[in-house]
Amino acid sequence: MHGGIPVATKLAFVANLRSHGTRPALLAGDDRVTYADLADRVADVAARLGSARQLVLIAGGNRMSTI
């Protein structure tokens, strides 16, 4: 368990996203992100953040670049 959430649960979340394959997860104008693409993005951010508990700032907006 890490940060109150078991690691297996975190990995299952990404695997669940990936299980939807090429179905659209996000649509914004002509931009489209599939569930597989979203799973890759989630895994990439998780790898960059690492496993150490830390405070992070999440900047968001209604744009694909913030996803």
Protein backbone atom coordinates (compact mmCIF):
# COMPACT_ATOMS: atom_id res chain seq x y z
CA MET A 1 0.00 0.00 0.00
CA HIS A 2 1.28 3.47 -0.84
CA GLY A 3 -0.41 6.75 -0.02
CA GLY A 4 -3.48 4.93 1.27
CA ILE A 5 -4.19 3.28 -2.09
CA PRO A 6 -2.81 -0.19 -2.81
CA VAL A 7 -0.36 -0.20 -5.75
CA ALA A 8 -2.37 -3.00 -7.37
CA THR A 9 -5.43 -0.74 -7.36
CA LYS A 10 -3.49 2.04 -9.06
CA LEU A 11 -2.26 -0.37 -11.75
CA ALA A 12 -5.75 -1.79 -12.20
CA PHE A 13 -7.05 1.72 -12.87
CA VAL A 14 -4.62 2.16 -15.78
CA ALA A 15 -5.32 -1.37 -17.08
CA ASN A 16 -9.04 -0.63 -16.96
CA LEU A 17 -8.53 2.50 -19.07
CA ARG A 18 -6.47 0.52 -21.57
CA SER A 19 -9.15 -2.19 -21.80
CA HIS A 20 -11.37 0.28 -23.67
CA GLY A 21 -8.76 0.45 -26.45
CA THR A 22 -9.41 2.85 -29.31
CA ARG A 23 -12.77 4.07 -28.05
CA PRO A 24 -12.74 7.84 -27.54
CA ALA A 25 -12.10 8.96 -23.97
CA LEU A 26 -11.83 12.70 -24.65
CA LEU A 27 -13.12 14.79 -27.52
CA ALA A 28 -12.44 18.48 -28.01
CA GLY A 29 -13.16 19.93 -31.42
CA ASP A 30 -11.08 17.92 -33.89
CA ASP A 31 -8.84 16.52 -31.13
CA ARG A 32 -9.45 13.00 -29.88
CA VAL A 33 -7.75 10.94 -27.17
CA THR A 34 -8.50 7.24 -26.99
CA TYR A 35 -8.66 5.29 -23.75
CA ALA A 36 -5.36 3.60 -24.69
CA ASP A 37 -3.76 7.03 -25.22
CA LEU A 38 -5.17 8.22 -21.91
CA ALA A 39 -3.76 5.14 -20.15
CA ASP A 40 -0.33 5.95 -21.64
CA ARG A 41 -0.59 9.54 -20.40
CA VAL A 42 -1.59 8.39 -16.91
CA ALA A 43 1.27 5.88 -16.78
CA ASP A 44 3.75 8.52 -18.00
CA VAL A 45 2.73 11.05 -15.36
CA ALA A 46 2.77 8.37 -12.66
CA ALA A 47 6.31 7.37 -13.69
CA ARG A 48 7.48 11.00 -13.62
CA LEU A 49 5.95 11.56 -10.19
CA GLY A 50 7.51 8.41 -8.77
CA SER A 51 6.33 6.51 -5.73
CA ALA A 52 7.39 8.96 -3.02
CA ARG A 53 4.56 10.83 -1.37
CA GLN A 54 4.69 14.48 -2.36
CA LEU A 55 2.62 17.58 -2.78
CA VAL A 56 1.80 18.34 -6.42
CA LEU A 57 0.03 21.19 -8.16
CA ILE A 58 -2.39 20.26 -10.91
CA ALA A 59 -3.08 23.02 -13.40
CA GLY A 60 -6.14 22.32 -15.44
CA GLY A 61 -8.20 23.81 -18.15
CA ASN A 62 -10.65 22.83 -20.79
CA ARG A 63 -7.86 21.99 -23.26
CA MET A 64 -6.28 18.74 -24.43
CA SER A 65 -2.83 20.02 -23.50
CA THR A 66 -3.74 19.90 -19.81
CA ILE A 67 -4.79 16.27 -19.94
